Amino acid sequence: WFHLMGKDRASARTHMTVALPGATKQTTGLP
């Protein structure tokens, strides 16, 4: 999921996430 958001285009910031439905620390090793 790619996001570009903010109060306006000039101040927008990027944010990226990866969907891992059901994932936990035990299933992925990620904290």
PDB file of all heavy atoms in Angstrom:
ATOM      1  N   TRP A   1       0.878  -1.175   0.000  1.00  0.00           N
ATOM      2  CA  TRP A   1       0.000   0.000   0.000  1.00  0.00           C
ATOM      3  C   TRP A   1       0.913   1.222   0.000  1.00  0.00           C
ATOM      4  O   TRP A   1       1.722   1.410   0.916  1.00  0.00           O
ATOM      5  CB  TRP A   1      -0.880   0.004   1.251  1.00  0.00           C
ATOM      6  CG  TRP A   1      -1.807  -1.174   1.319  1.00  0.00           C
ATOM      7  CD1 TRP A   1      -1.470  -2.472   1.518  1.00  0.00           C
ATOM      8  CD2 TRP A   1      -3.224  -1.149   1.179  1.00  0.00           C
ATOM      9  NE1 TRP A   1      -2.597  -3.256   1.513  1.00  0.00           N
ATOM     10  CE2 TRP A   1      -3.681  -2.475   1.311  1.00  0.00           C
ATOM     11  CE3 TRP A   1      -4.151  -0.127   0.975  1.00  0.00           C
ATOM     12  CZ2 TRP A   1      -5.026  -2.804   1.234  1.00  0.00           C
ATOM     13  CZ3 TRP A   1      -5.487  -0.471   0.902  1.00  0.00           C
ATOM     14  CH2 TRP A   1      -5.928  -1.788   1.027  1.00  0.00           C
ATOM     15  N   PHE A   2       0.801   2.019  -1.042  1.00  0.00           N
ATOM     16  CA  PHE A   2       1.596   3.240  -1.183  1.00  0.00           C
ATOM     17  C   PHE A   2       0.698   4.431  -0.869  1.00  0.00           C
ATOM     18  O   PHE A   2      -0.394   4.552  -1.435  1.00  0.00           O
ATOM     19  CB  PHE A   2       2.113   3.386  -2.623  1.00  0.00           C
ATOM     20  CG  PHE A   2       2.943   2.228  -3.093  1.00  0.00           C
ATOM     21  CD1 PHE A   2       2.373   1.205  -3.838  1.00  0.00           C
ATOM     22  CD2 PHE A   2       4.303   2.169  -2.814  1.00  0.00           C
ATOM     23  CE1 PHE A   2       3.133   0.142  -4.306  1.00  0.00           C
ATOM     24  CE2 PHE A   2       5.076   1.104  -3.265  1.00  0.00           C
ATOM     25  CZ  PHE A   2       4.483   0.087  -4.012  1.00  0.00           C
ATOM     26  N   HIS A   3       1.151   5.305   0.014  1.00  0.00           N
ATOM     27  CA  HIS A   3       0.370   6.474   0.417  1.00  0.00           C
ATOM     28  C   HIS A   3       1.202   7.743   0.196  1.00  0.00           C
ATOM     29  O   HIS A   3       2.411   7.740   0.417  1.00  0.00           O
ATOM     30  CB  HIS A   3       0.019   6.424   1.904  1.00  0.00           C
ATOM     31  CG  HIS A   3      -0.637   5.156   2.335  1.00  0.00           C
ATOM     32  ND1 HIS A   3      -1.995   4.988   2.351  1.00  0.00           N
ATOM     33  CD2 HIS A   3      -0.112   3.984   2.763  1.00  0.00           C
ATOM     34  CE1 HIS A   3      -2.281   3.776   2.780  1.00  0.00           C
ATOM     35  NE2 HIS A   3      -1.154   3.139   3.039  1.00  0.00           N
ATOM     36  N   LEU A   4       0.532   8.794  -0.188  1.00  0.00           N
ATOM     37  CA  LEU A   4       1.120  10.131  -0.254  1.00  0.00           C
ATOM     38  C   LEU A   4       0.064  11.044   0.336  1.00  0.00           C
ATOM     39  O   LEU A   4      -1.034  11.178  -0.215  1.00  0.00           O
ATOM     40  CB  LEU A   4       1.436  10.514  -1.710  1.00  0.00           C
ATOM     41  CG  LEU A   4       2.059  11.890  -1.926  1.00  0.00           C
ATOM     42  CD1 LEU A   4       3.423  11.983  -1.248  1.00  0.00           C
ATOM     43  CD2 LEU A   4       2.182  12.181  -3.419  1.00  0.00           C
ATOM     44  N   MET A   5       0.360  11.635   1.514  1.00  0.00           N
ATOM     45  CA  MET A   5      -0.689  12.376   2.212  1.00  0.00           C
ATOM     46  C   MET A   5      -0.143  13.527   3.036  1.00  0.00           C
ATOM     47  O   MET A   5       1.009  13.509   3.452  1.00  0.00           O
ATOM     48  CB  MET A   5      -1.467  11.429   3.107  1.00  0.00           C
ATOM     49  CG  MET A   5      -0.620  10.694   4.108  1.00  0.00           C
ATOM     50  SD  MET A   5      -1.504   9.272   4.746  1.00  0.00           S
ATOM     51  CE  MET A   5      -0.149   8.361   5.424  1.00  0.00           C
ATOM     52  N   GLY A   6      -1.019  14.504   3.254  1.00  0.00           N
ATOM     53  CA  GLY A   6      -0.661  15.656   4.059  1.00  0.00           C
ATOM     54  C   GLY A   6      -1.701  16.754   3.944  1.00  0.00           C
ATOM     55  O   GLY A   6      -2.765  16.560   3.356  1.00  0.00           O
ATOM     56  N   LYS A   7      -1.357  17.920   4.496  1.00  0.00           N
ATOM     57  CA  LYS A   7      -2.316  19.030   4.451  1.00  0.00           C
ATOM     58  C   LYS A   7      -2.445  19.609   3.047  1.00  0.00           C
ATOM     59  O   LYS A   7      -3.441  20.217   2.700  1.00  0.00           O
ATOM     60  CB  LYS A   7      -1.957  20.118   5.457  1.00  0.00           C
ATOM     61  CG  LYS A   7      -0.642  20.796   5.205  1.00  0.00           C
ATOM     62  CD  LYS A   7      -0.349  21.881   6.220  1.00  0.00           C
ATOM     63  CE  LYS A   7       0.992  22.493   5.851  1.00  0.00           C
ATOM     64  NZ  LYS A   7       1.155  23.833   6.219  1.00  0.00           N
ATOM     65  N   ASP A   8      -1.414  19.393   2.211  1.00  0.00           N
ATOM     66  CA  ASP A   8      -1.441  19.805   0.811  1.00  0.00           C
ATOM     67  C   ASP A   8      -0.365  19.028   0.055  1.00  0.00           C
ATOM     68  O   ASP A   8       0.428  18.302   0.662  1.00  0.00           O
ATOM     69  CB  ASP A   8      -1.244  21.316   0.655  1.00  0.00           C
ATOM     70  CG  ASP A   8       0.021  21.824   1.327  1.00  0.00           C
ATOM     71  OD1 ASP A   8       1.054  21.110   1.305  1.00  0.00           O
ATOM     72  OD2 ASP A   8      -0.009  22.936   1.869  1.00  0.00           O
ATOM     73  N   ARG A   9      -0.355  19.182  -1.239  1.00  0.00           N
ATOM     74  CA  ARG A   9       0.597  18.423  -2.056  1.00  0.00           C
ATOM     75  C   ARG A   9       2.044  18.769  -1.710  1.00  0.00           C
ATOM     76  O   ARG A   9       2.912  17.902  -1.661  1.00  0.00           O
ATOM     77  CB  ARG A   9       0.318  18.688  -3.540  1.00  0.00           C
ATOM     78  CG  ARG A   9       1.180  17.891  -4.459  1.00  0.00           C
ATOM     79  CD  ARG A   9       0.739  18.083  -5.889  1.00  0.00           C
ATOM     80  NE  ARG A   9       1.664  17.446  -6.807  1.00  0.00           N
ATOM     81  CZ  ARG A   9       1.499  17.375  -8.098  1.00  0.00           C
ATOM     82  NH1 ARG A   9       0.427  17.898  -8.642  1.00  0.00           N
ATOM     83  NH2 ARG A   9       2.386  16.783  -8.856  1.00  0.00           N
ATOM     84  N   ALA A  10       2.295  20.034  -1.441  1.00  0.00           N
ATOM     85  CA  ALA A  10       3.663  20.477  -1.163  1.00  0.00           C
ATOM     86  C   ALA A  10       4.236  19.855   0.110  1.00  0.00           C
ATOM     87  O   ALA A  10       5.428  19.596   0.198  1.00  0.00           O
ATOM     88  CB  ALA A  10       3.709  21.993  -1.081  1.00  0.00           C
ATOM     89  N   SER A  11       3.386  19.610   1.111  1.00  0.00           N
ATOM     90  CA  SER A  11       3.873  19.069   2.383  1.00  0.00           C
ATOM     91  C   SER A  11       3.554  17.582   2.564  1.00  0.00           C
ATOM     92  O   SER A  11       3.782  17.029   3.637  1.00  0.00           O
ATOM     93  CB  SER A  11       3.282  19.865   3.548  1.00  0.00           C
ATOM     94  OG  SER A  11       1.870  19.693   3.581  1.00  0.00           O
ATOM     95  N   ALA A  12       3.026  16.953   1.529  1.00  0.00           N
ATOM     96  CA  ALA A  12       2.643  15.540   1.635  1.00  0.00           C
ATOM     97  C   ALA A  12       3.863  14.655   1.900  1.00  0.00           C
ATOM     98  O   ALA A  12       4.958  14.934   1.434  1.00  0.00           O
ATOM     99  CB  ALA A  12       1.944  15.104   0.354  1.00  0.00           C
ATOM    100  N   ARG A  13       3.629  13.595   2.663  1.00  0.00           N
ATOM    101  CA  ARG A  13       4.702  12.648   2.961  1.00  0.00           C
ATOM    102  C   ARG A  13       4.315  11.281   2.434  1.00  0.00           C
ATOM    103  O   ARG A  13       3.132  10.965   2.287  1.00  0.00           O
ATOM    104  CB  ARG A  13       4.987  12.584   4.453  1.00  0.00           C
ATOM    105  CG  ARG A  13       3.855  12.010   5.270  1.00  0.00           C
ATOM    106  CD  ARG A  13       4.217  11.894   6.757  1.00  0.00           C
ATOM    107  NE  ARG A  13       3.158  11.255   7.503  1.00  0.00           N
ATOM    108  CZ  ARG A  13       2.992   9.943   7.637  1.00  0.00           C
ATOM    109  NH1 ARG A  13       3.815   9.113   7.057  1.00  0.00           N
ATOM    110  NH2 ARG A  13       2.003   9.448   8.343  1.00  0.00           N
ATOM    111  N   THR A  14       5.311  10.480   2.154  1.00  0.00           N
ATOM    112  CA  THR A  14       5.054   9.124   1.678  1.00  0.00           C
ATOM    113  C   THR A  14       5.007   8.166   2.860  1.00  0.00           C
ATOM    114  O   THR A  14       5.618   8.398   3.900  1.00  0.00           O
ATOM    115  CB  THR A  14       6.150   8.664   0.691  1.00  0.00           C
ATOM    116  OG1 THR A  14       7.405   8.695   1.365  1.00  0.00           O
ATOM    117  CG2 THR A  14       6.195   9.536  -0.542  1.00  0.00           C
ATOM    118  N   HIS A  15       4.279   7.104   2.681  1.00  0.00           N
ATOM    119  CA  HIS A  15       4.160   6.061   3.692  1.00  0.00           C
ATOM    120  C   HIS A  15       3.863   4.765   2.935  1.00  0.00           C
ATOM    121  O   HIS A  15       3.076   4.768   1.991  1.00  0.00           O
ATOM    122  CB  HIS A  15       3.024   6.409   4.658  1.00  0.00           C
ATOM    123  CG  HIS A  15       2.797   5.389   5.723  1.00  0.00           C
ATOM    124  ND1 HIS A  15       3.735   5.084   6.677  1.00  0.00           N
ATOM    125  CD2 HIS A  15       1.722   4.606   5.976  1.00  0.00           C
ATOM    126  CE1 HIS A  15       3.240   4.155   7.487  1.00  0.00           C
ATOM    127  NE2 HIS A  15       2.032   3.846   7.077  1.00  0.00           N
ATOM    128  N   MET A  16       4.504   3.692   3.336  1.00  0.00           N
ATOM    129  CA  MET A  16       4.310   2.421   2.653  1.00  0.00           C
ATOM    130  C   MET A  16       4.132   1.314   3.691  1.00  0.00           C
ATOM    131  O   MET A  16       4.844   1.286   4.697  1.00  0.00           O
ATOM    132  CB  MET A  16       5.528   2.137   1.768  1.00  0.00           C
ATOM    133  CG  MET A  16       5.428   0.899   0.948  1.00  0.00           C
ATOM    134  SD  MET A  16       6.790   0.708  -0.229  1.00  0.00           S
ATOM    135  CE  MET A  16       8.219   0.828   0.799  1.00  0.00           C
ATOM    136  N   THR A  17       3.164   0.445   3.442  1.00  0.00           N
ATOM    137  CA  THR A  17       2.956  -0.712   4.301  1.00  0.00           C
ATOM    138  C   THR A  17       2.801  -1.951   3.416  1.00  0.00           C
ATOM    139  O   THR A  17       2.512  -1.848   2.224  1.00  0.00           O
ATOM    140  CB  THR A  17       1.693  -0.565   5.182  1.00  0.00           C
ATOM    141  OG1 THR A  17       0.541  -0.426   4.347  1.00  0.00           O
ATOM    142  CG2 THR A  17       1.799   0.629   6.114  1.00  0.00           C
ATOM    143  N   VAL A  18       2.977  -3.127   4.027  1.00  0.00           N
ATOM    144  CA  VAL A  18       2.802  -4.391   3.318  1.00  0.00           C
ATOM    145  C   VAL A  18       1.762  -5.202   4.091  1.00  0.00           C
ATOM    146  O   VAL A  18       1.932  -5.468   5.283  1.00  0.00           O
ATOM    147  CB  VAL A  18       4.132  -5.179   3.229  1.00  0.00           C
ATOM    148  CG1 VAL A  18       3.919  -6.505   2.509  1.00  0.00           C
ATOM    149  CG2 VAL A  18       5.205  -4.347   2.537  1.00  0.00           C
ATOM    150  N   ALA A  19       0.688  -5.572   3.403  1.00  0.00           N
ATOM    151  CA  ALA A  19      -0.396  -6.331   4.036  1.00  0.00           C
ATOM    152  C   ALA A  19       0.070  -7.748   4.364  1.00  0.00           C
ATOM    153  O   ALA A  19       0.588  -8.456   3.501  1.00  0.00           O
ATOM    154  CB  ALA A  19      -1.609  -6.378   3.115  1.00  0.00           C
ATOM    155  N   LEU A  20      -0.113  -8.138   5.627  1.00  0.00           N
ATOM    156  CA  LEU A  20       0.233  -9.484   6.092  1.00  0.00           C
ATOM    157  C   LEU A  20      -0.908 -10.015   6.960  1.00  0.00           C
ATOM    158  O   LEU A  20      -0.727 -10.269   8.152  1.00  0.00           O
ATOM    159  CB  LEU A  20       1.537  -9.450   6.906  1.00  0.00           C
ATOM    160  CG  LEU A  20       2.787  -8.926   6.218  1.00  0.00           C
ATOM    161  CD1 LEU A  20       3.952  -8.807   7.201  1.00  0.00           C
ATOM    162  CD2 LEU A  20       3.167  -9.826   5.051  1.00  0.00           C
ATOM    163  N   PRO A  21      -2.121 -10.177   6.388  1.00  0.00           N
ATOM    164  CA  PRO A  21      -3.257 -10.587   7.220  1.00  0.00           C
ATOM    165  C   PRO A  21      -2.955 -11.856   8.018  1.00  0.00           C
ATOM    166  O   PRO A  21      -2.429 -12.825   7.482  1.00  0.00           O
ATOM    167  CB  PRO A  21      -4.384 -10.815   6.208  1.00  0.00           C
ATOM    168  CG  PRO A  21      -3.757 -10.810   4.861  1.00  0.00           C
ATOM    169  CD  PRO A  21      -2.441 -10.121   4.977  1.00  0.00           C
ATOM    170  N   GLY A  22      -3.262 -11.772   9.313  1.00  0.00           N
ATOM    171  CA  GLY A  22      -3.049 -12.899  10.218  1.00  0.00           C
ATOM    172  C   GLY A  22      -1.650 -13.028  10.771  1.00  0.00           C
ATOM    173  O   GLY A  22      -1.397 -13.836  11.663  1.00  0.00           O
ATOM    174  N   ALA A  23      -0.712 -12.243  10.278  1.00  0.00           N
ATOM    175  CA  ALA A  23       0.684 -12.366  10.690  1.00  0.00           C
ATOM    176  C   ALA A  23       0.906 -11.967  12.143  1.00  0.00           C
ATOM    177  O   ALA A  23       0.232 -11.086  12.675  1.00  0.00           O
ATOM    178  CB  ALA A  23       1.572 -11.525   9.777  1.00  0.00           C
ATOM    179  N   THR A  24       1.876 -12.633  12.759  1.00  0.00           N
ATOM    180  CA  THR A  24       2.296 -12.326  14.132  1.00  0.00           C
ATOM    181  C   THR A  24       3.820 -12.412  14.185  1.00  0.00           C
ATOM    182  O   THR A  24       4.465 -12.839  13.219  1.00  0.00           O
ATOM    183  CB  THR A  24       1.717 -13.351  15.135  1.00  0.00           C
ATOM    184  OG1 THR A  24       2.271 -14.636  14.831  1.00  0.00           O
ATOM    185  CG2 THR A  24       0.196 -13.387  15.105  1.00  0.00           C
ATOM    186  N   LYS A  25       4.365 -12.079  15.337  1.00  0.00           N
ATOM    187  CA  LYS A  25       5.807 -12.217  15.537  1.00  0.00           C
ATOM    188  C   LYS A  25       6.217 -13.682  15.356  1.00  0.00           C
ATOM    189  O   LYS A  25       7.240 -13.986  14.757  1.00  0.00           O
ATOM    190  CB  LYS A  25       6.191 -11.725  16.940  1.00  0.00           C
ATOM    191  CG  LYS A  25       7.668 -11.845  17.230  1.00  0.00           C
ATOM    192  CD  LYS A  25       8.001 -11.317  18.608  1.00  0.00           C
ATOM    193  CE  LYS A  25       9.495 -11.437  18.850  1.00  0.00           C
ATOM    194  NZ  LYS A  25       9.889 -10.847  20.123  1.00  0.00           N
ATOM    195  N   GLN A  26       5.385 -14.576  15.843  1.00  0.00           N
ATOM    196  CA  GLN A  26       5.686 -15.999  15.765  1.00  0.00           C
ATOM    197  C   GLN A  26       5.697 -16.510  14.318  1.00  0.00           C
ATOM    198  O   GLN A  26       6.469 -17.383  13.965  1.00  0.00           O
ATOM    199  CB  GLN A  26       4.680 -16.818  16.581  1.00  0.00           C
ATOM    200  CG  GLN A  26       4.779 -16.617  18.079  1.00  0.00           C
ATOM    201  CD  GLN A  26       4.225 -15.261  18.541  1.00  0.00           C
ATOM    202  OE1 GLN A  26       3.334 -14.674  17.929  1.00  0.00           O
ATOM    203  NE2 GLN A  26       4.786 -14.742  19.630  1.00  0.00           N
ATOM    204  N   THR A  27       4.834 -15.968  13.464  1.00  0.00           N
ATOM    205  CA  THR A  27       4.756 -16.469  12.086  1.00  0.00           C
ATOM    206  C   THR A  27       5.737 -15.781  11.138  1.00  0.00           C
ATOM    207  O   THR A  27       6.020 -16.315  10.065  1.00  0.00           O
ATOM    208  CB  THR A  27       3.327 -16.314  11.514  1.00  0.00           C
ATOM    209  OG1 THR A  27       2.973 -14.934  11.454  1.00  0.00           O
ATOM    210  CG2 THR A  27       2.325 -17.105  12.332  1.00  0.00           C
ATOM    211  N   THR A  28       6.246 -14.622  11.522  1.00  0.00           N
ATOM    212  CA  THR A  28       7.130 -13.879  10.608  1.00  0.00           C
ATOM    213  C   THR A  28       8.526 -13.609  11.151  1.00  0.00           C
ATOM    214  O   THR A  28       9.436 -13.354  10.379  1.00  0.00           O
ATOM    215  CB  THR A  28       6.527 -12.502  10.260  1.00  0.00           C
ATOM    216  OG1 THR A  28       6.459 -11.716  11.459  1.00  0.00           O
ATOM    217  CG2 THR A  28       5.167 -12.632   9.613  1.00  0.00           C
ATOM    218  N   GLY A  29       8.644 -13.598  12.470  1.00  0.00           N
ATOM    219  CA  GLY A  29       9.921 -13.221  13.070  1.00  0.00           C
ATOM    220  C   GLY A  29      10.083 -11.719  13.203  1.00  0.00           C
ATOM    221  O   GLY A  29      11.061 -11.244  13.792  1.00  0.00           O
ATOM    222  N   LEU A  30       9.134 -10.951  12.696  1.00  0.00           N
ATOM    223  CA  LEU A  30       9.194  -9.492  12.824  1.00  0.00           C
ATOM    224  C   LEU A  30       8.661  -9.061  14.183  1.00  0.00           C
ATOM    225  O   LEU A  30       7.694  -9.644  14.688  1.00  0.00           O
ATOM    226  CB  LEU A  30       8.361  -8.821  11.726  1.00  0.00           C
ATOM    227  CG  LEU A  30       8.901  -8.939  10.309  1.00  0.00           C
ATOM    228  CD1 LEU A  30       7.851  -8.460   9.305  1.00  0.00           C
ATOM    229  CD2 LEU A  30      10.176  -8.134  10.155  1.00  0.00           C
ATOM    230  N   PRO A  31       9.234  -8.037  14.776  1.00  0.00           N
ATOM    231  CA  PRO A  31       8.727  -7.560  16.062  1.00  0.00           C
ATOM    232  C   PRO A  31       7.344  -6.943  15.923  1.00  0.00           C
ATOM    233  O   PRO A  31       6.956  -6.513  14.836  1.00  0.00           O
ATOM    234  CB  PRO A  31       9.762  -6.523  16.493  1.00  0.00           C
ATOM    235  CG  PRO A  31      10.425  -6.085  15.238  1.00  0.00           C
ATOM    236  CD  PRO A  31      10.370  -7.244  14.300  1.00  0.00           C
TER     237      PRO A  31
END
